Amino acid sequence: MGQKKTKKKKITKKLLHKYRLVILNEDTFEERLSFKLTRLNVFVVLSLSTIFLIAGTTIFIAFTPLREYIPGYSSSALKKSATDLHYKVDSLQQVLHENEQFYASIKQVLEGDISTTNINKDSIIAATKFEASQVDLSPTRADSILREKVDKEDKYNLFDSATSEVNFVLFPPASGEISEPYNANDKHFAVDIIVAKNSPIKATADGRVIFAEWTTQTGYVIIVEHSYGLISVYKHNASLTKDQGDLVKAGEVIATAGNSGEFTTGPHLHFELWSDGYPINPINFIDFKP
């Protein structure tokens, strides 16, 4: 027991033993600064300094933008930005897919890789009559009162759509002799009109340009979308005067005739008409005679 007490006294004496730290001028040995220290004081000061340094560094990193540079740490702003970018990328992928489908359908129109569909009118009429016979179409009293009321309020608008569709006239894009007529069996869904080079090619009706580009096989091509599901196609042009997205009027010049593309034998206009995705014979609706 005595030895243990002696050791504790020695340790306590060492910790509390006073030392003097003196800073001297090397040339004159003049005392400039001095401190009285003990081993315990030095240990306490170093411990407190270490604790404060660690705490200050932790607080500085936790409440400043420096925390974003620590691996594995992410901020709420960074998460929000990543989420927004994810949604934008998903939307762009969807738009890109729709554009690819649109250009694929336009490519089929340009290449004529669409077959005509034969519709049995008799079967459609019979099916319509059968469906109509299964439904009681006799008007009720409430229906008759409503019809009479609407007829009085909007007397002339009931037939606006039918009148406008009847008055929808197609303008000849060019005048000339037809070198090759419409032939669905040979997949020639167009009429080839002989025209002079650089003569104006006009829009057959009001509409919007949905395609205006150069193609290897058919040269300069312009496609116009009209009302009532109608699309007109003009191929082998020398140049185009309209761009995709432009609005055009019936009879407005949209291109100049030429002899561009691989599938051509001379200056002419390759003109196609499509109604609701099906080719139709332009001669049935337009007079191309000069």
Protein backbone atom coordinates (compact mmCIF):
# COMPACT_ATOMS: atom_id res chain seq x y z
CA MET A 1 0.00 0.00 0.00
CA GLY A 2 2.81 2.32 0.81
CA GLN A 3 4.44 1.77 -2.56
CA LYS A 4 1.18 2.55 -4.37
CA LYS A 5 0.73 5.78 -2.45
CA THR A 6 4.32 6.68 -3.22
CA LYS A 7 3.75 6.09 -6.97
CA LYS A 8 0.55 8.21 -6.93
CA LYS A 9 2.40 11.02 -5.20
CA LYS A 10 5.17 10.84 -7.75
CA ILE A 11 2.69 10.95 -10.67
CA THR A 12 0.78 13.86 -9.08
CA LYS A 13 4.05 15.67 -8.40
CA LYS A 14 5.11 15.20 -12.04
CA LEU A 15 1.76 16.50 -13.34
CA LEU A 16 1.78 19.51 -11.05
CA HIS A 17 5.50 20.21 -11.26
CA LYS A 18 5.95 23.71 -12.65
CA TYR A 19 8.08 24.49 -15.67
CA ARG A 20 8.99 27.78 -17.20
CA LEU A 21 8.82 28.32 -20.97
CA VAL A 22 11.07 31.24 -21.91
CA ILE A 23 11.39 32.89 -25.32
CA LEU A 24 14.79 34.67 -25.71
CA ASN A 25 16.35 36.88 -28.31
CA GLU A 26 19.05 34.69 -29.88
CA ASP A 27 21.50 37.56 -30.37
CA THR A 28 21.19 39.40 -27.04
CA PHE A 29 19.70 36.60 -24.91
CA GLU A 30 17.09 39.11 -23.80
CA GLU A 31 14.00 37.50 -22.32
CA ARG A 32 11.00 38.46 -24.49
CA LEU A 33 8.27 36.18 -23.21
CA SER A 34 7.86 33.52 -20.55
CA PHE A 35 5.12 31.13 -19.40
CA LYS A 36 4.70 29.04 -16.27
CA LEU A 37 3.40 25.61 -17.25
CA THR A 38 2.68 22.26 -15.75
CA ARG A 39 2.21 18.97 -17.52
CA LEU A 40 -1.44 18.93 -16.43
CA ASN A 41 -2.06 22.41 -17.90
CA VAL A 42 -0.47 21.40 -21.21
CA PHE A 43 -2.55 18.22 -21.37
CA VAL A 44 -5.80 20.08 -20.59
CA VAL A 45 -5.09 22.83 -23.15
CA LEU A 46 -4.21 20.35 -25.90
CA SER A 47 -7.30 18.23 -25.15
CA LEU A 48 -9.64 21.24 -25.21
CA SER A 49 -8.02 22.56 -28.39
CA THR A 50 -8.48 19.19 -30.09
CA ILE A 51 -12.15 18.98 -29.02
CA PHE A 52 -12.89 22.53 -30.21
CA LEU A 53 -11.08 21.90 -33.52
CA ILE A 54 -13.07 18.73 -34.20
CA ALA A 55 -16.39 20.35 -33.22
CA GLY A 56 -15.68 23.48 -35.29
CA THR A 57 -14.73 21.45 -38.36
CA THR A 58 -17.86 19.31 -38.03
CA ILE A 59 -20.13 22.35 -37.70
CA PHE A 60 -18.38 24.15 -40.58
CA ILE A 61 -18.85 21.19 -42.93
CA ALA A 62 -22.41 20.39 -41.81
CA PHE A 63 -23.79 23.93 -42.32
CA THR A 64 -21.90 25.01 -45.45
CA PRO A 65 -21.98 23.84 -49.10
CA LEU A 66 -18.75 21.91 -48.44
CA ARG A 67 -20.87 18.96 -47.26
CA GLU A 68 -21.88 18.26 -50.87
CA TYR A 69 -18.26 17.37 -51.69
CA ILE A 70 -18.21 14.59 -49.10
CA PRO A 71 -18.71 11.17 -50.77
CA GLY A 72 -22.06 9.62 -49.90
CA TYR A 73 -23.68 12.89 -48.78
CA SER A 74 -26.46 14.39 -50.94
CA SER A 75 -28.45 17.56 -50.42
CA SER A 76 -32.20 18.04 -50.92
CA ALA A 77 -31.53 20.50 -53.77
CA LEU A 78 -29.39 17.92 -55.54
CA LYS A 79 -32.12 15.28 -55.14
CA LYS A 80 -34.75 17.69 -56.50
CA SER A 81 -32.56 18.56 -59.48
CA ALA A 82 -31.94 14.87 -60.22
CA THR A 83 -35.69 14.15 -60.04
CA ASP A 84 -36.51 17.03 -62.43
CA LEU A 85 -33.88 15.83 -64.87
CA HIS A 86 -35.27 12.30 -64.70
CA TYR A 87 -38.77 13.53 -65.61
CA LYS A 88 -37.39 15.68 -68.44
CA VAL A 89 -35.43 12.76 -69.89
CA ASP A 90 -38.53 10.55 -69.70
CA SER A 91 -40.60 13.21 -71.51
CA LEU A 92 -37.92 13.63 -74.18
CA GLN A 93 -37.80 9.87 -74.74
CA GLN A 94 -41.57 9.80 -75.22
CA VAL A 95 -41.48 12.73 -77.68
CA LEU A 96 -38.60 11.08 -79.55
CA HIS A 97 -40.58 7.83 -79.83
CA GLU A 98 -43.61 9.70 -81.20
CA ASN A 99 -41.42 11.53 -83.74
CA GLU A 100 -39.88 8.26 -84.87
CA GLN A 101 -43.34 6.78 -85.43
CA PHE A 102 -44.40 9.91 -87.34
CA TYR A 103 -41.34 9.86 -89.63
CA ALA A 104 -41.77 6.13 -90.18
CA SER A 105 -45.33 6.70 -91.43
CA ILE A 106 -44.16 9.60 -93.63
CA LYS A 107 -41.42 7.35 -95.03
CA GLN A 108 -44.03 4.77 -96.01
CA VAL A 109 -45.99 7.48 -97.81
CA LEU A 110 -42.89 8.67 -99.67
CA GLU A 111 -41.85 5.18 -100.71
CA GLY A 112 -45.40 4.14 -101.58
CA ASP A 113 -45.13 1.13 -99.29
CA ILE A 114 -48.83 1.16 -98.41
CA SER A 115 -51.37 -1.18 -99.93
CA THR A 116 -54.92 -0.20 -100.72
CA THR A 117 -57.69 -1.67 -98.64
CA ASN A 118 -60.72 -3.17 -100.32
CA ILE A 119 -63.87 -2.45 -98.36
CA ASN A 120 -67.02 -4.49 -98.82
CA LYS A 121 -69.69 -1.81 -98.80
CA ASP A 122 -72.53 -4.32 -98.72
CA SER A 123 -71.27 -5.90 -95.49
CA ILE A 124 -70.89 -2.46 -93.87
CA ILE A 125 -74.42 -1.45 -94.88
CA ALA A 126 -75.83 -4.76 -93.64
CA ALA A 127 -73.99 -4.47 -90.32
CA THR A 128 -75.21 -0.88 -89.89
CA LYS A 129 -78.80 -1.86 -90.57
CA PHE A 130 -78.54 -4.75 -88.13
CA GLU A 131 -77.14 -2.52 -85.38
CA ALA A 132 -79.79 0.11 -86.04
CA SER A 133 -82.54 -2.49 -85.83
CA GLN A 134 -81.37 -3.48 -82.35
CA VAL A 135 -81.77 0.04 -80.97
CA ASP A 136 -84.98 1.94 -80.39
CA LEU A 137 -84.39 5.19 -82.25
CA SER A 138 -87.83 6.66 -81.78
CA PRO A 139 -87.51 10.12 -80.20
CA THR A 140 -88.88 10.71 -76.73
CA ARG A 141 -90.91 13.76 -75.74
CA ALA A 142 -87.92 15.29 -73.94
CA ASP A 143 -85.72 14.72 -76.99
CA SER A 144 -88.29 16.40 -79.29
CA ILE A 145 -88.52 19.43 -76.99
CA LEU A 146 -84.71 19.73 -76.86
CA ARG A 147 -84.38 19.47 -80.65
CA GLU A 148 -86.99 22.18 -81.15
CA LYS A 149 -85.27 24.45 -78.64
CA VAL A 150 -81.81 24.02 -80.22
CA ASP A 151 -83.26 24.52 -83.70
CA LYS A 152 -84.71 27.88 -82.65
CA GLU A 153 -81.57 29.07 -80.85
CA ASP A 154 -79.08 28.10 -83.57
CA LYS A 155 -81.13 27.80 -86.68
CA TYR A 156 -78.46 28.08 -89.35
CA ASN A 157 -75.45 26.45 -87.67
CA LEU A 158 -76.85 22.90 -87.92
CA PHE A 159 -75.66 22.57 -91.51
CA ASP A 160 -72.42 24.61 -91.38
CA SER A 161 -70.12 21.57 -91.31
CA ALA A 162 -71.89 19.86 -94.19
CA THR A 163 -71.91 23.03 -96.28
CA SER A 164 -68.20 23.73 -95.69
CA GLU A 165 -67.26 20.17 -96.61
CA VAL A 166 -69.30 20.35 -99.83
CA ASN A 167 -67.66 23.65 -100.74
CA PHE A 168 -64.15 22.24 -100.16
CA VAL A 169 -62.57 22.47 -103.65
CA LEU A 170 -59.11 21.19 -104.63
CA PHE A 171 -56.90 23.49 -106.70
CA PRO A 172 -54.74 21.91 -109.46
CA PRO A 173 -51.07 22.04 -108.35
CA ALA A 174 -49.93 22.20 -111.98
CA SER A 175 -51.39 21.92 -115.48
CA GLY A 176 -50.14 19.49 -118.09
CA GLU A 177 -50.45 16.12 -119.71
CA ILE A 178 -50.48 13.06 -117.47
CA SER A 179 -47.58 10.77 -118.36
CA GLU A 180 -48.45 8.05 -115.87
CA PRO A 181 -51.88 7.76 -114.24
CA TYR A 182 -52.89 6.48 -110.82
CA ASN A 183 -52.47 2.68 -110.60
CA ALA A 184 -53.06 0.98 -107.24
CA ASN A 185 -52.10 -2.45 -108.56
CA ASP A 186 -48.57 -1.25 -109.40
CA LYS A 187 -48.43 0.77 -106.14
CA HIS A 188 -48.27 3.99 -108.13
CA PHE A 189 -50.53 6.00 -105.84
CA ALA A 190 -50.10 9.23 -107.80
CA VAL A 191 -50.36 10.96 -111.16
CA ASP A 192 -47.24 12.16 -113.00
CA ILE A 193 -47.85 15.50 -114.70
CA ILE A 194 -45.51 16.72 -117.43
CA VAL A 195 -44.52 20.32 -116.68
CA ALA A 196 -41.79 22.70 -117.77
CA LYS A 197 -38.73 22.93 -115.56
CA ASN A 198 -38.91 25.59 -112.84
CA SER A 199 -42.64 26.12 -113.41
CA PRO A 200 -44.54 26.92 -110.17
CA ILE A 201 -46.07 24.14 -108.12
CA LYS A 202 -49.07 25.30 -106.11
CA ALA A 203 -50.84 24.02 -103.00
CA THR A 204 -54.01 22.14 -103.83
CA ALA A 205 -55.83 23.50 -100.74
CA ASP A 206 -55.30 25.43 -97.51
CA GLY A 207 -53.14 23.60 -95.01
CA ARG A 208 -49.88 23.27 -93.11
CA VAL A 209 -46.55 21.94 -94.40
CA ILE A 210 -45.65 18.82 -92.39
CA PHE A 211 -42.61 17.72 -94.45
CA ALA A 212 -40.21 19.67 -96.67
CA GLU A 213 -36.88 17.91 -97.24
CA TRP A 214 -34.57 16.35 -99.81
CA THR A 215 -34.76 12.58 -100.41
CA THR A 216 -32.39 10.49 -102.50
CA GLN A 217 -35.05 8.71 -104.54
CA THR A 218 -37.64 11.44 -105.05
CA GLY A 219 -35.55 14.62 -104.73
CA TYR A 220 -37.15 17.64 -103.10
CA VAL A 221 -40.43 16.58 -101.51
CA ILE A 222 -43.07 18.68 -99.78
CA ILE A 223 -46.14 17.30 -97.98
CA VAL A 224 -49.11 19.45 -96.94
CA GLU A 225 -51.79 18.47 -94.43
CA HIS A 226 -55.29 19.83 -95.18
CA SER A 227 -58.70 19.70 -93.53
CA TYR A 228 -60.93 16.61 -93.40
CA GLY A 229 -57.97 14.21 -93.05
CA LEU A 230 -56.54 15.05 -96.50
CA ILE A 231 -52.78 15.03 -97.29
CA SER A 232 -51.17 16.07 -100.57
CA VAL A 233 -47.65 15.03 -101.63
CA TYR A 234 -45.46 16.79 -104.26
CA LYS A 235 -42.25 15.04 -105.40
CA HIS A 236 -39.29 15.58 -107.83
CA ASN A 237 -39.23 19.36 -107.32
CA ALA A 238 -36.28 21.53 -108.31
CA SER A 239 -36.59 23.61 -105.15
CA LEU A 240 -38.95 24.30 -102.25
CA THR A 241 -40.32 27.71 -101.27
CA LYS A 242 -41.90 26.61 -97.99
CA ASP A 243 -40.52 25.05 -94.82
CA GLN A 244 -41.97 22.54 -92.39
CA GLY A 245 -44.62 24.17 -90.20
CA ASP A 246 -45.56 26.94 -92.68
CA LEU A 247 -49.23 27.67 -93.36
CA VAL A 248 -50.20 27.77 -97.04
CA LYS A 249 -53.26 28.89 -98.98
CA ALA A 250 -54.90 27.12 -101.92
CA GLY A 251 -53.07 28.11 -105.12
CA GLU A 252 -50.01 29.46 -103.26
CA VAL A 253 -46.64 28.54 -104.80
CA ILE A 254 -44.86 26.00 -102.58
CA ALA A 255 -42.18 24.67 -104.96
CA THR A 256 -40.75 24.78 -108.48
CA ALA A 257 -40.99 21.83 -110.85
CA GLY A 258 -37.86 19.90 -111.65
CA ASN A 259 -36.22 16.56 -112.26
CA SER A 260 -34.64 15.75 -108.89
CA GLY A 261 -34.19 12.31 -107.37
CA GLU A 262 -33.23 8.88 -108.70
CA PHE A 263 -36.78 7.81 -109.66
CA THR A 264 -37.38 10.38 -112.40
CA THR A 265 -37.24 10.38 -116.19
CA GLY A 266 -37.67 14.09 -116.90
CA PRO A 267 -39.21 17.30 -115.56
CA HIS A 268 -42.57 16.39 -114.06
CA LEU A 269 -44.64 16.56 -110.88
CA HIS A 270 -45.40 13.38 -108.94
CA PHE A 271 -48.64 14.30 -107.14
CA GLU A 272 -50.38 12.14 -104.51
CA LEU A 273 -53.59 12.54 -102.50
CA TRP A 274 -54.24 10.66 -99.25
CA SER A 275 -57.51 10.66 -97.33
CA ASP A 276 -57.46 9.40 -93.73
CA GLY A 277 -54.35 7.32 -94.47
CA TYR A 278 -55.61 5.80 -97.75
CA PRO A 279 -54.50 6.81 -101.26
CA ILE A 280 -57.09 8.24 -103.64
CA ASN A 281 -56.98 9.00 -107.36
CA PRO A 282 -56.40 12.76 -107.82
CA ILE A 283 -58.06 12.69 -111.27
CA ASN A 284 -61.42 12.07 -109.58
CA PHE A 285 -61.23 15.46 -107.88
CA ILE A 286 -58.86 17.68 -109.92
CA ASP A 287 -58.71 18.66 -113.59
CA PHE A 288 -55.06 18.79 -114.70
CA LYS A 289 -55.76 19.76 -118.31
CA PRO A 290 -53.86 22.89 -119.45
